[in-house]
Amino acid sequence: MQAGNVRYRTLDDIPDSVPIFPLSGALLLPGGQLPLNIFELRYLAMVDTALGSKRIIGMIQPRLDQDGEADGDLCEVGCLGRITSFAETGDGRLLITLQGICRFRVIKELTTRTPFRQCKIAPLRADLDEADDSDVDRLSLLRVFRAYLDANNLEADWDSISRAGNETLVNALAMMSPFGAAEKQALLEAADLKTRAETLIAITEIALAKDQDDFEGSLQ
């Protein structure tokens, strides 16, 4: 997996503990790019620490309780990202871009003196290899994506979409999808690219059906 100037080929290229950025509703996938606006002091310290080391941050969602509120625990699976760009804003914030490297499982949270959380992790080796995208149902994915855009009066750059390979297409659509934290976690934890595409299609079809039911209900 290439992220910025670095090629991650084996598990030896991945640190076994990383700073963690818990952020509900944020989805980073291998190869994807996630822009972030950093302003909290603890996360400014996290970025400074990462820049002074291997530039790697673990993006992960906080676990939600039955009421849909973050309870302080972390989801089991997140995604490692390398800081590939950063800029200071002049008002104390940092604008950074993370490029996804591979997913990871949390082994345990570490006890540290840093203001940000850190975890011992187990990276998913399969994500470092080139994904098999031959079984992705591209036509169904594009069909349901176009239907969702039409239903919500949205537009997309179809020239760029048509040129994108299956892996780029699936991961980009998953990352930009306007779904909730649970749906984003399901997309992250999909076993492979084919399953992620199928999950994205199913979630989008459910959203379209709900929109149709809400529309019909408003007419009654």
C-alpha atoms as a PDB file:
ATOM      1  CA  MET A   1       0.000   0.000   0.000  1.00  0.00           C
ATOM      2  CA  GLN A   2       1.398   3.375  -1.055  1.00  0.00           C
ATOM      3  CA  ALA A   3       0.619   6.369   1.187  1.00  0.00           C
ATOM      4  CA  GLY A   4       2.348   9.583   0.216  1.00  0.00           C
ATOM      5  CA  ASN A   5       6.063   8.928  -0.205  1.00  0.00           C
ATOM      6  CA  VAL A   6       6.066   5.665   1.731  1.00  0.00           C
ATOM      7  CA  ARG A   7       5.312   2.147   0.579  1.00  0.00           C
ATOM      8  CA  TYR A   8       3.964  -0.174   3.276  1.00  0.00           C
ATOM      9  CA  ARG A   9       4.757  -3.718   2.187  1.00  0.00           C
ATOM     10  CA  THR A  10       4.829  -5.847   5.327  1.00  0.00           C
ATOM     11  CA  LEU A  11       3.639  -5.748   8.917  1.00  0.00           C
ATOM     12  CA  ASP A  12       7.165  -4.724   9.916  1.00  0.00           C
ATOM     13  CA  ASP A  13       6.491  -1.373   8.250  1.00  0.00           C
ATOM     14  CA  ILE A  14       3.593  -0.714  10.655  1.00  0.00           C
ATOM     15  CA  PRO A  15       4.143   0.373  14.276  1.00  0.00           C
ATOM     16  CA  ASP A  16       2.555  -1.847  16.927  1.00  0.00           C
ATOM     17  CA  SER A  17       1.197   1.132  18.875  1.00  0.00           C
ATOM     18  CA  VAL A  18      -0.265   4.358  17.505  1.00  0.00           C
ATOM     19  CA  PRO A  19      -1.955   7.571  18.629  1.00  0.00           C
ATOM     20  CA  ILE A  20      -5.716   7.255  18.288  1.00  0.00           C
ATOM     21  CA  PHE A  21      -8.185   9.836  16.973  1.00  0.00           C
ATOM     22  CA  PRO A  22     -11.727   8.786  17.935  1.00  0.00           C
ATOM     23  CA  LEU A  23     -14.209  10.554  15.660  1.00  0.00           C
ATOM     24  CA  SER A  24     -17.802   9.450  15.210  1.00  0.00           C
ATOM     25  CA  GLY A  25     -19.069   9.319  11.639  1.00  0.00           C
ATOM     26  CA  ALA A  26     -15.598   9.606  10.098  1.00  0.00           C
ATOM     27  CA  LEU A  27     -14.540   6.861   7.713  1.00  0.00           C
ATOM     28  CA  LEU A  28     -11.027   6.296   6.429  1.00  0.00           C
ATOM     29  CA  LEU A  29     -10.336   3.339   4.163  1.00  0.00           C
ATOM     30  CA  PRO A  30      -7.066   1.991   2.714  1.00  0.00           C
ATOM     31  CA  GLY A  31      -5.990   4.246  -0.136  1.00  0.00           C
ATOM     32  CA  GLY A  32      -8.590   6.887   0.682  1.00  0.00           C
ATOM     33  CA  GLN A  33      -7.869  10.478   1.686  1.00  0.00           C
ATOM     34  CA  LEU A  34      -9.495  12.133   4.689  1.00  0.00           C
ATOM     35  CA  PRO A  35      -9.090  15.893   5.302  1.00  0.00           C
ATOM     36  CA  LEU A  36      -9.263  16.927   8.959  1.00  0.00           C
ATOM     37  CA  ASN A  37      -9.513  20.259  10.749  1.00  0.00           C
ATOM     38  CA  ILE A  38      -7.587  19.885  14.014  1.00  0.00           C
ATOM     39  CA  PHE A  39      -8.295  22.440  16.758  1.00  0.00           C
ATOM     40  CA  GLU A  40      -8.515  20.666  20.140  1.00  0.00           C
ATOM     41  CA  LEU A  41      -5.300  20.961  22.146  1.00  0.00           C
ATOM     42  CA  ARG A  42      -5.003  17.209  22.737  1.00  0.00           C
ATOM     43  CA  TYR A  43      -5.276  16.474  19.022  1.00  0.00           C
ATOM     44  CA  LEU A  44      -2.893  19.270  18.091  1.00  0.00           C
ATOM     45  CA  ALA A  45      -0.435  17.509  20.412  1.00  0.00           C
ATOM     46  CA  MET A  46      -1.288  14.206  18.713  1.00  0.00           C
ATOM     47  CA  VAL A  47      -0.474  15.611  15.273  1.00  0.00           C
ATOM     48  CA  ASP A  48       2.786  17.144  16.516  1.00  0.00           C
ATOM     49  CA  THR A  49       3.787  13.766  17.973  1.00  0.00           C
ATOM     50  CA  ALA A  50       2.877  11.924  14.777  1.00  0.00           C
ATOM     51  CA  LEU A  51       4.805  14.402  12.610  1.00  0.00           C
ATOM     52  CA  GLY A  52       7.880  13.817  14.773  1.00  0.00           C
ATOM     53  CA  SER A  53       7.623  10.056  14.311  1.00  0.00           C
ATOM     54  CA  LYS A  54       6.150   7.924  11.510  1.00  0.00           C
ATOM     55  CA  ARG A  55       3.292  10.324  10.700  1.00  0.00           C
ATOM     56  CA  ILE A  56       0.744   7.583  11.421  1.00  0.00           C
ATOM     57  CA  ILE A  57      -2.559   8.129  13.239  1.00  0.00           C
ATOM     58  CA  GLY A  58      -5.253   5.554  13.933  1.00  0.00           C
ATOM     59  CA  MET A  59      -8.720   6.771  12.967  1.00  0.00           C
ATOM     60  CA  ILE A  60     -11.449   4.964  14.866  1.00  0.00           C
ATOM     61  CA  GLN A  61     -15.021   5.531  15.908  1.00  0.00           C
ATOM     62  CA  PRO A  62     -16.116   5.637  19.544  1.00  0.00           C
ATOM     63  CA  ARG A  63     -18.515   2.868  20.435  1.00  0.00           C
ATOM     64  CA  LEU A  64     -22.118   4.029  20.774  1.00  0.00           C
ATOM     65  CA  ASP A  65     -24.480   2.999  23.560  1.00  0.00           C
ATOM     66  CA  GLN A  66     -28.130   2.022  23.115  1.00  0.00           C
ATOM     67  CA  ASP A  67     -29.126   5.691  22.939  1.00  0.00           C
ATOM     68  CA  GLY A  68     -26.653   6.364  20.141  1.00  0.00           C
ATOM     69  CA  GLU A  69     -24.266   8.286  22.418  1.00  0.00           C
ATOM     70  CA  ALA A  70     -20.510   7.729  22.622  1.00  0.00           C
ATOM     71  CA  ASP A  71     -19.708   5.881  25.844  1.00  0.00           C
ATOM     72  CA  GLY A  72     -15.914   6.333  25.874  1.00  0.00           C
ATOM     73  CA  ASP A  73     -15.072   2.883  24.578  1.00  0.00           C
ATOM     74  CA  LEU A  74     -13.623   2.384  21.120  1.00  0.00           C
ATOM     75  CA  CYS A  75     -14.865   0.267  18.249  1.00  0.00           C
ATOM     76  CA  GLU A  76     -12.801  -2.834  17.662  1.00  0.00           C
ATOM     77  CA  VAL A  77     -11.672  -1.904  14.125  1.00  0.00           C
ATOM     78  CA  GLY A  78     -10.173   1.331  12.804  1.00  0.00           C
ATOM     79  CA  CYS A  79      -7.920   2.420   9.935  1.00  0.00           C
ATOM     80  CA  LEU A  80      -4.355   3.698  10.017  1.00  0.00           C
ATOM     81  CA  GLY A  81      -3.617   6.860   8.072  1.00  0.00           C
ATOM     82  CA  ARG A  82      -0.384   8.623   7.175  1.00  0.00           C
ATOM     83  CA  ILE A  83      -0.260  12.419   7.320  1.00  0.00           C
ATOM     84  CA  THR A  84       0.499  13.337   3.715  1.00  0.00           C
ATOM     85  CA  SER A  85      -0.136  17.070   3.985  1.00  0.00           C
ATOM     86  CA  PHE A  86      -0.558  19.649   6.709  1.00  0.00           C
ATOM     87  CA  ALA A  87      -0.878  23.413   6.968  1.00  0.00           C
ATOM     88  CA  GLU A  88      -1.076  25.918   9.799  1.00  0.00           C
ATOM     89  CA  THR A  89      -4.022  28.308   9.626  1.00  0.00           C
ATOM     90  CA  GLY A  90      -2.597  31.146  11.721  1.00  0.00           C
ATOM     91  CA  ASP A  91      -5.389  30.885  14.302  1.00  0.00           C
ATOM     92  CA  GLY A  92      -4.080  27.804  16.089  1.00  0.00           C
ATOM     93  CA  ARG A  93      -5.633  25.120  13.904  1.00  0.00           C
ATOM     94  CA  LEU A  94      -3.961  22.529  11.699  1.00  0.00           C
ATOM     95  CA  LEU A  95      -5.378  21.307   8.405  1.00  0.00           C
ATOM     96  CA  ILE A  96      -4.133  17.811   7.635  1.00  0.00           C
ATOM     97  CA  THR A  97      -4.864  15.050   5.157  1.00  0.00           C
ATOM     98  CA  LEU A  98      -4.631  11.395   6.112  1.00  0.00           C
ATOM     99  CA  GLN A  99      -4.127   8.745   3.454  1.00  0.00           C
ATOM    100  CA  GLY A 100      -5.375   5.312   4.474  1.00  0.00           C
ATOM    101  CA  ILE A 101      -2.793   2.551   4.904  1.00  0.00           C
ATOM    102  CA  CYS A 102      -4.595  -0.450   6.356  1.00  0.00           C
ATOM    103  CA  ARG A 103      -7.254  -1.350   8.876  1.00  0.00           C
ATOM    104  CA  PHE A 104      -6.353  -2.508  12.367  1.00  0.00           C
ATOM    105  CA  ARG A 105      -7.853  -4.200  15.389  1.00  0.00           C
ATOM    106  CA  VAL A 106      -7.399  -2.734  18.829  1.00  0.00           C
ATOM    107  CA  ILE A 107      -5.562  -5.117  21.143  1.00  0.00           C
ATOM    108  CA  LYS A 108      -5.637  -2.840  24.163  1.00  0.00           C
ATOM    109  CA  GLU A 109      -5.591   0.817  25.099  1.00  0.00           C
ATOM    110  CA  LEU A 110      -2.279   1.931  26.574  1.00  0.00           C
ATOM    111  CA  THR A 111      -1.796   3.845  29.806  1.00  0.00           C
ATOM    112  CA  THR A 112       0.177   6.954  28.855  1.00  0.00           C
ATOM    113  CA  ARG A 113       0.851  10.487  30.027  1.00  0.00           C
ATOM    114  CA  THR A 114      -0.036  12.032  26.692  1.00  0.00           C
ATOM    115  CA  PRO A 115      -3.246  14.089  26.428  1.00  0.00           C
ATOM    116  CA  PHE A 116      -4.369  11.887  23.523  1.00  0.00           C
ATOM    117  CA  ARG A 117      -5.190   8.183  23.594  1.00  0.00           C
ATOM    118  CA  GLN A 118      -2.853   5.487  22.299  1.00  0.00           C
ATOM    119  CA  CYS A 119      -3.486   1.831  21.514  1.00  0.00           C
ATOM    120  CA  LYS A 120      -1.560  -1.341  20.869  1.00  0.00           C
ATOM    121  CA  ILE A 121      -2.868  -2.634  17.547  1.00  0.00           C
ATOM    122  CA  ALA A 122      -2.852  -5.558  15.148  1.00  0.00           C
ATOM    123  CA  PRO A 123      -2.859  -4.335  11.531  1.00  0.00           C
ATOM    124  CA  LEU A 124      -4.790  -6.299   8.913  1.00  0.00           C
ATOM    125  CA  ARG A 125      -2.114  -7.763   6.644  1.00  0.00           C
ATOM    126  CA  ALA A 126      -4.448  -8.293   3.682  1.00  0.00           C
ATOM    127  CA  ASP A 127      -4.961  -4.535   3.275  1.00  0.00           C
ATOM    128  CA  LEU A 128      -1.286  -4.065   2.371  1.00  0.00           C
ATOM    129  CA  ASP A 129      -1.724  -6.186  -0.764  1.00  0.00           C
ATOM    130  CA  GLU A 130      -3.466  -5.147  -3.956  1.00  0.00           C
ATOM    131  CA  ALA A 131      -7.197  -5.716  -3.540  1.00  0.00           C
ATOM    132  CA  ASP A 132      -9.040  -8.165  -5.780  1.00  0.00           C
ATOM    133  CA  ASP A 133     -11.704  -5.986  -7.398  1.00  0.00           C
ATOM    134  CA  SER A 134     -12.768  -8.407 -10.136  1.00  0.00           C
ATOM    135  CA  ASP A 135     -15.965  -9.504  -8.349  1.00  0.00           C
ATOM    136  CA  VAL A 136     -17.290  -6.005  -7.604  1.00  0.00           C
ATOM    137  CA  ASP A 137     -20.760  -5.443  -9.083  1.00  0.00           C
ATOM    138  CA  ARG A 138     -19.839  -2.086 -10.569  1.00  0.00           C
ATOM    139  CA  LEU A 139     -23.043  -1.635 -12.567  1.00  0.00           C
ATOM    140  CA  SER A 140     -25.293  -2.176  -9.538  1.00  0.00           C
ATOM    141  CA  LEU A 141     -23.164   0.168  -7.447  1.00  0.00           C
ATOM    142  CA  LEU A 142     -23.352   2.935 -10.036  1.00  0.00           C
ATOM    143  CA  ARG A 143     -27.079   2.363 -10.534  1.00  0.00           C
ATOM    144  CA  VAL A 144     -27.950   2.725  -6.877  1.00  0.00           C
ATOM    145  CA  PHE A 145     -25.550   5.643  -6.427  1.00  0.00           C
ATOM    146  CA  ARG A 146     -27.143   7.516  -9.338  1.00  0.00           C
ATOM    147  CA  ALA A 147     -30.606   6.796  -7.922  1.00  0.00           C
ATOM    148  CA  TYR A 148     -29.548   8.194  -4.545  1.00  0.00           C
ATOM    149  CA  LEU A 149     -28.161  11.353  -6.151  1.00  0.00           C
ATOM    150  CA  ASP A 150     -31.312  11.855  -8.211  1.00  0.00           C
ATOM    151  CA  ALA A 151     -33.548  11.322  -5.179  1.00  0.00           C
ATOM    152  CA  ASN A 152     -31.643  13.958  -3.213  1.00  0.00           C
ATOM    153  CA  ASN A 153     -31.080  16.427  -6.079  1.00  0.00           C
ATOM    154  CA  LEU A 154     -27.316  15.949  -5.939  1.00  0.00           C
ATOM    155  CA  GLU A 155     -24.741  15.922  -8.717  1.00  0.00           C
ATOM    156  CA  ALA A 156     -21.487  14.058  -9.271  1.00  0.00           C
ATOM    157  CA  ASP A 157     -18.527  14.174 -11.630  1.00  0.00           C
ATOM    158  CA  TRP A 158     -19.500  11.189 -13.747  1.00  0.00           C
ATOM    159  CA  ASP A 159     -16.438  11.529 -15.992  1.00  0.00           C
ATOM    160  CA  SER A 160     -14.159  10.966 -12.992  1.00  0.00           C
ATOM    161  CA  ILE A 161     -16.400   8.197 -11.679  1.00  0.00           C
ATOM    162  CA  SER A 162     -16.346   6.355 -15.005  1.00  0.00           C
ATOM    163  CA  ARG A 163     -12.535   6.462 -15.081  1.00  0.00           C
ATOM    164  CA  ALA A 164     -12.049   5.238 -11.513  1.00  0.00           C
ATOM    165  CA  GLY A 165     -11.036   1.652 -10.917  1.00  0.00           C
ATOM    166  CA  ASN A 166     -13.303  -0.553  -8.850  1.00  0.00           C
ATOM    167  CA  GLU A 167     -11.269  -0.272  -5.643  1.00  0.00           C
ATOM    168  CA  THR A 168     -11.061   3.523  -5.864  1.00  0.00           C
ATOM    169  CA  LEU A 169     -14.733   3.740  -6.752  1.00  0.00           C
ATOM    170  CA  VAL A 170     -15.993   1.555  -3.904  1.00  0.00           C
ATOM    171  CA  ASN A 171     -13.836   3.161  -1.233  1.00  0.00           C
ATOM    172  CA  ALA A 172     -14.462   6.723  -2.411  1.00  0.00           C
ATOM    173  CA  LEU A 173     -18.241   6.240  -2.489  1.00  0.00           C
ATOM    174  CA  ALA A 174     -18.148   4.571   0.930  1.00  0.00           C
ATOM    175  CA  MET A 175     -16.139   7.428   2.450  1.00  0.00           C
ATOM    176  CA  MET A 176     -18.322  10.177   0.992  1.00  0.00           C
ATOM    177  CA  SER A 177     -21.598   8.428   1.788  1.00  0.00           C
ATOM    178  CA  PRO A 178     -23.834  10.505   4.102  1.00  0.00           C
ATOM    179  CA  PHE A 179     -24.734   7.611   6.388  1.00  0.00           C
ATOM    180  CA  GLY A 180     -24.476   7.304  10.165  1.00  0.00           C
ATOM    181  CA  ALA A 181     -21.795   5.909  12.419  1.00  0.00           C
ATOM    182  CA  ALA A 182     -23.149   2.344  12.473  1.00  0.00           C
ATOM    183  CA  GLU A 183     -23.317   2.182   8.674  1.00  0.00           C
ATOM    184  CA  LYS A 184     -19.814   3.647   8.350  1.00  0.00           C
ATOM    185  CA  GLN A 185     -18.475   1.018  10.749  1.00  0.00           C
ATOM    186  CA  ALA A 186     -20.155  -1.750   8.765  1.00  0.00           C
ATOM    187  CA  LEU A 187     -18.454  -0.469   5.604  1.00  0.00           C
ATOM    188  CA  LEU A 188     -15.100  -0.342   7.389  1.00  0.00           C
ATOM    189  CA  GLU A 189     -15.408  -3.876   8.759  1.00  0.00           C
ATOM    190  CA  ALA A 190     -16.506  -5.470   5.462  1.00  0.00           C
ATOM    191  CA  ALA A 191     -14.312  -8.513   4.866  1.00  0.00           C
ATOM    192  CA  ASP A 192     -13.204  -7.544   1.368  1.00  0.00           C
ATOM    193  CA  LEU A 193     -13.893  -5.085  -1.436  1.00  0.00           C
ATOM    194  CA  LYS A 194     -16.743  -7.154  -2.904  1.00  0.00           C
ATOM    195  CA  THR A 195     -18.466  -7.320   0.476  1.00  0.00           C
ATOM    196  CA  ARG A 196     -17.938  -3.584   1.028  1.00  0.00           C
ATOM    197  CA  ALA A 197     -19.579  -2.839  -2.326  1.00  0.00           C
ATOM    198  CA  GLU A 198     -22.503  -5.142  -1.506  1.00  0.00           C
ATOM    199  CA  THR A 199     -22.870  -3.506   1.915  1.00  0.00           C
ATOM    200  CA  LEU A 200     -22.843  -0.035   0.372  1.00  0.00           C
ATOM    201  CA  ILE A 201     -25.484  -1.046  -2.169  1.00  0.00           C
ATOM    202  CA  ALA A 202     -27.707  -2.527   0.563  1.00  0.00           C
ATOM    203  CA  ILE A 203     -27.381   0.514   2.847  1.00  0.00           C
ATOM    204  CA  THR A 204     -28.151   2.879  -0.028  1.00  0.00           C
ATOM    205  CA  GLU A 205     -31.179   0.855  -1.131  1.00  0.00           C
ATOM    206  CA  ILE A 206     -32.503   0.961   2.448  1.00  0.00           C
ATOM    207  CA  ALA A 207     -32.029   4.745   2.506  1.00  0.00           C
ATOM    208  CA  LEU A 208     -33.833   5.102  -0.826  1.00  0.00           C
ATOM    209  CA  ALA A 209     -36.744   2.964   0.381  1.00  0.00           C
ATOM    210  CA  LYS A 210     -37.014   5.027   3.574  1.00  0.00           C
ATOM    211  CA  ASP A 211     -36.994   8.273   1.590  1.00  0.00           C
ATOM    212  CA  GLN A 212     -39.769   6.899  -0.616  1.00  0.00           C
ATOM    213  CA  ASP A 213     -41.845   5.846   2.411  1.00  0.00           C
ATOM    214  CA  ASP A 214     -41.364   9.288   4.000  1.00  0.00           C
ATOM    215  CA  PHE A 215     -42.405  10.978   0.763  1.00  0.00           C
ATOM    216  CA  GLU A 216     -45.518   8.843   0.377  1.00  0.00           C
ATOM    217  CA  GLY A 217     -46.379   9.413   4.027  1.00  0.00           C
ATOM    218  CA  SER A 218     -46.202  13.169   3.559  1.00  0.00           C
ATOM    219  CA  LEU A 219     -48.809  12.947   0.789  1.00  0.00           C
ATOM    220  CA  GLN A 220     -51.372  11.184   2.959  1.00  0.00           C
END
